[in-house]
């Protein structure tokens, strides 16, 4: 088995294969999800699930192939434990990063779309970061994401523009070639690792001494 997602992505960004509709159908959708602890000086400060998707943008670009990636995270900040999503896009046609105007995450019954986030532009790489305080809606999103192993990223490219919806399958570990066929490898381990890491973050927040409690 050869791990090929980033190989294919490199090829797509370096050529015009997309124009001839040569992006394999098996590559459309989620291609990799990875759990990553967020550490500062080897101290656990948060947990993240990074995702990589290829989609066809039928809303703004007449079906052109677009890379959509980023992460879903919880982590400590001066206001306590927060929930964050980082979303970025890159056109496979010209490999140019393009930040979304606005992005949100939704699960089966909950969404961040109506919650006002803190928004941070990340210069140079086509990403925006959206940070939310935990409330009942965010708790529901967190719980449903772990229960159903999936979420959907919605974003638009201009104020008032239509949303492009990107389903993220949190069980896709990688894409491989096996018996000369492209195949996705599925596993629950990334979500389980994220869940265990999150529990540690919440427990540390609950047991923090007064002197450790972040000040607003």
Protein backbone atom coordinates (compact mmCIF):
# COMPACT_ATOMS: atom_id res chain seq x y z
CA UNK A 1 0.00 0.00 0.00
CA UNK A 2 1.24 3.47 -0.89
CA UNK A 3 -0.08 6.53 0.90
CA UNK A 4 -1.10 8.87 -1.87
CA UNK A 5 -3.32 11.74 -0.74
CA UNK A 6 -0.57 14.36 -0.59
CA UNK A 7 1.06 12.89 -3.69
CA UNK A 8 -2.17 13.36 -5.66
CA UNK A 9 -2.68 16.82 -4.18
CA UNK A 10 0.82 17.81 -5.29
CA UNK A 11 0.13 16.54 -8.80
CA UNK A 12 -3.18 18.42 -8.95
CA UNK A 13 -1.58 21.65 -7.79
CA UNK A 14 1.26 21.28 -10.31
CA UNK A 15 -0.72 20.41 -13.45
CA UNK A 16 -4.02 20.96 -15.18
CA UNK A 17 -5.38 17.49 -14.55
CA UNK A 18 -8.46 18.97 -12.89
CA UNK A 19 -9.45 20.61 -16.18
CA UNK A 20 -9.83 17.24 -17.86
CA UNK A 21 -11.91 15.88 -14.99
CA UNK A 22 -9.10 13.50 -14.09
CA UNK A 23 -9.41 13.88 -10.34
CA UNK A 24 -10.43 10.34 -9.39
CA UNK A 25 -13.96 10.11 -8.05
CA UNK A 26 -12.58 8.25 -5.03
CA UNK A 27 -10.64 11.40 -4.08
CA UNK A 28 -13.75 13.57 -3.82
CA UNK A 29 -14.79 14.15 -0.22
CA UNK A 30 -12.74 13.58 2.91
CA UNK A 31 -9.29 12.13 2.26
CA UNK A 32 -7.58 12.33 5.62
CA UNK A 33 -8.44 13.09 9.24
CA UNK A 34 -5.72 13.17 11.86
CA UNK A 35 -5.79 13.71 15.60
CA UNK A 36 -3.13 16.08 16.92
CA UNK A 37 -2.59 17.20 20.51
CA UNK A 38 -1.88 20.92 20.88
CA UNK A 39 1.11 21.41 23.16
CA UNK A 40 3.13 24.31 24.56
CA UNK A 41 6.51 23.33 25.97
CA UNK A 42 5.24 19.73 26.10
CA UNK A 43 2.22 20.79 28.18
CA UNK A 44 -1.14 19.73 26.76
CA UNK A 45 -3.17 22.82 25.91
CA UNK A 46 -5.71 21.48 23.45
CA UNK A 47 -6.87 18.81 21.03
CA UNK A 48 -7.53 18.95 17.30
CA UNK A 49 -8.84 16.92 14.39
CA UNK A 50 -7.31 18.09 11.13
CA UNK A 51 -9.18 17.33 7.92
CA UNK A 52 -8.41 17.39 4.21
CA UNK A 53 -11.18 17.41 1.61
CA UNK A 54 -11.43 17.82 -2.13
CA UNK A 55 -14.76 19.16 -3.37
CA UNK A 56 -16.23 20.55 -6.56
CA UNK A 57 -17.28 24.16 -6.13
CA UNK A 58 -20.60 24.34 -7.93
CA UNK A 59 -21.53 27.57 -6.13
CA UNK A 60 -18.77 29.98 -7.15
CA UNK A 61 -16.51 28.26 -9.68
CA UNK A 62 -18.61 26.18 -12.07
CA UNK A 63 -17.56 22.87 -10.59
CA UNK A 64 -13.83 23.55 -10.29
CA UNK A 65 -11.92 21.33 -7.89
CA UNK A 66 -11.10 22.93 -4.54
CA UNK A 67 -9.06 21.75 -1.58
CA UNK A 68 -10.81 22.51 1.74
CA UNK A 69 -8.91 21.84 4.94
CA UNK A 70 -8.32 22.93 8.47
CA UNK A 71 -9.10 21.64 11.92
CA UNK A 72 -11.75 21.29 14.59
CA UNK A 73 -10.38 21.90 18.07
CA UNK A 74 -10.88 22.58 21.73
CA UNK A 75 -8.17 24.30 23.72
CA UNK A 76 -7.38 26.49 26.66
CA UNK A 77 -7.16 30.23 26.32
CA UNK A 78 -7.39 33.13 28.80
CA UNK A 79 -11.20 32.84 28.76
CA UNK A 80 -11.19 29.16 29.64
CA UNK A 81 -11.76 26.18 27.35
CA UNK A 82 -12.96 27.23 23.90
CA UNK A 83 -14.10 25.53 20.70
CA UNK A 84 -12.44 26.47 17.42
CA UNK A 85 -12.63 25.74 13.72
CA UNK A 86 -9.94 26.68 11.24
CA UNK A 87 -10.99 26.65 7.59
CA UNK A 88 -9.03 27.35 4.45
CA UNK A 89 -9.40 26.70 0.73
CA UNK A 90 -7.09 26.40 -2.22
CA UNK A 91 -8.05 26.27 -5.87
CA UNK A 92 -6.46 23.27 -7.55
CA UNK A 93 -6.43 25.25 -10.80
CA UNK A 94 -3.83 27.78 -9.70
CA UNK A 95 -2.82 26.56 -6.19
CA UNK A 96 -3.71 29.97 -4.78
CA UNK A 97 -5.03 29.99 -1.19
CA UNK A 98 -8.33 31.78 -0.75
CA UNK A 99 -9.73 32.56 2.67
CA UNK A 100 -13.44 32.01 3.21
CA UNK A 101 -15.48 35.10 3.97
CA UNK A 102 -17.32 33.22 6.72
CA UNK A 103 -17.35 29.61 7.85
CA UNK A 104 -19.23 27.51 10.36
CA UNK A 105 -19.63 23.92 11.52
CA UNK A 106 -22.84 21.98 11.81
CA UNK A 107 -23.79 18.55 13.08
CA UNK A 108 -27.08 16.63 12.95
CA UNK A 109 -29.13 19.15 14.96
CA UNK A 110 -26.75 21.97 15.89
CA UNK A 111 -24.71 24.68 14.17
CA UNK A 112 -22.28 27.47 14.94
CA UNK A 113 -23.74 29.61 12.14
CA UNK A 114 -25.85 31.73 14.50
CA UNK A 115 -23.19 32.08 17.19
CA UNK A 116 -20.95 35.12 17.07
CA UNK A 117 -17.32 33.97 17.05
CA UNK A 118 -13.99 35.68 17.44
CA UNK A 119 -12.50 35.64 13.94
CA UNK A 120 -8.81 35.70 13.13
CA UNK A 121 -7.25 35.95 9.67
CA UNK A 122 -4.19 33.77 9.30
CA UNK A 123 -1.96 35.60 6.87
CA UNK A 124 -0.52 33.93 3.82
CA UNK A 125 -2.14 30.52 3.94
CA UNK A 126 -5.78 31.05 3.04
CA UNK A 127 -7.21 30.20 6.46
CA UNK A 128 -9.51 31.85 8.96
CA UNK A 129 -9.91 30.80 12.59
CA UNK A 130 -13.29 30.98 14.33
CA UNK A 131 -13.34 30.69 18.15
CA UNK A 132 -16.46 30.07 20.25
CA UNK A 133 -17.17 30.05 23.95
CA UNK A 134 -18.79 26.86 25.19
CA UNK A 135 -22.57 27.15 25.54
CA UNK A 136 -25.46 24.70 25.12
CA UNK A 137 -25.24 24.78 21.31
CA UNK A 138 -21.47 24.21 21.25
CA UNK A 139 -21.83 21.36 23.75
CA UNK A 140 -24.45 19.78 21.47
CA UNK A 141 -22.13 20.16 18.46
CA UNK A 142 -19.25 18.59 20.38
CA UNK A 143 -21.38 15.66 21.56
CA UNK A 144 -22.96 14.97 18.17
CA UNK A 145 -19.65 15.17 16.38
CA UNK A 146 -18.27 12.45 18.65
CA UNK A 147 -21.45 10.37 18.53
CA UNK A 148 -21.93 10.34 14.75
CA UNK A 149 -18.26 10.70 13.67
CA UNK A 150 -19.09 13.40 11.16
CA UNK A 151 -19.65 17.12 10.76
CA UNK A 152 -20.22 19.57 7.93
CA UNK A 153 -18.24 22.72 7.20
CA UNK A 154 -20.21 25.50 5.53
CA UNK A 155 -18.53 28.59 4.08
CA UNK A 156 -19.11 31.41 1.66
CA UNK A 157 -16.67 33.44 -0.41
CA UNK A 158 -18.39 36.82 -0.11
CA UNK A 159 -20.73 38.55 2.30
CA UNK A 160 -24.26 37.40 1.59
CA UNK A 161 -23.05 34.72 -0.80
CA UNK A 162 -24.41 31.20 -0.96
CA UNK A 163 -22.87 28.60 1.34
CA UNK A 164 -20.74 25.79 -0.03
CA UNK A 165 -21.30 22.71 2.16
CA UNK A 166 -18.43 20.31 2.81
CA UNK A 167 -19.26 17.05 4.64
CA UNK A 168 -16.34 15.81 6.74
CA UNK A 169 -16.19 12.10 7.53
CA UNK A 170 -14.15 11.94 10.74
CA UNK A 171 -13.44 8.22 10.28
CA UNK A 172 -11.34 8.59 7.09
CA UNK A 173 -7.78 7.86 8.15
CA UNK A 174 -6.13 8.01 4.74
CA UNK A 175 -6.31 7.21 1.04
CA UNK A 176 -4.20 4.36 -0.35
CA UNK A 177 -3.59 2.40 -3.52
CA UNK A 178 -4.41 -1.27 -3.10
CA UNK A 179 -4.55 -3.74 -5.97
CA UNK A 180 -4.18 -0.79 -8.34
CA UNK A 181 -7.32 0.81 -6.96
CA UNK A 182 -7.74 3.97 -4.91
CA UNK A 183 -9.25 3.12 -1.57
CA UNK A 184 -10.12 5.01 1.61
CA UNK A 185 -9.05 3.58 4.95
CA UNK A 186 -11.55 4.05 7.79
CA UNK A 187 -10.93 3.99 11.53
CA UNK A 188 -12.64 5.30 14.68
CA UNK A 189 -9.30 5.93 16.39
CA UNK A 190 -8.94 9.63 15.51
CA UNK A 191 -12.27 10.53 17.12
CA UNK A 192 -11.52 8.34 20.15
CA UNK A 193 -8.14 10.03 20.62
CA UNK A 194 -9.77 13.45 20.31
CA UNK A 195 -12.44 12.45 22.84
CA UNK A 196 -9.89 11.18 25.37
CA UNK A 197 -7.76 14.28 24.92
CA UNK A 198 -10.81 16.54 25.35
CA UNK A 199 -11.77 14.81 28.58
CA UNK A 200 -8.30 15.56 29.93
CA UNK A 201 -8.62 19.22 28.94
CA UNK A 202 -12.05 19.55 30.61
CA UNK A 203 -10.86 17.76 33.77
CA UNK A 204 -7.84 20.02 34.06
CA UNK A 205 -10.07 23.08 33.65
CA UNK A 206 -12.45 21.87 36.35
CA UNK A 207 -9.70 21.03 38.82
CA UNK A 208 -7.55 24.11 38.20
CA UNK A 209 -6.61 25.90 41.42
CA UNK A 210 -7.64 29.57 41.80
CA UNK A 211 -4.10 30.64 41.01
CA UNK A 212 -4.23 28.64 37.77
CA UNK A 213 -7.58 29.99 36.64
CA UNK A 214 -7.17 32.32 33.63
CA UNK A 215 -8.14 35.93 34.27
CA UNK A 216 -10.46 37.73 31.84
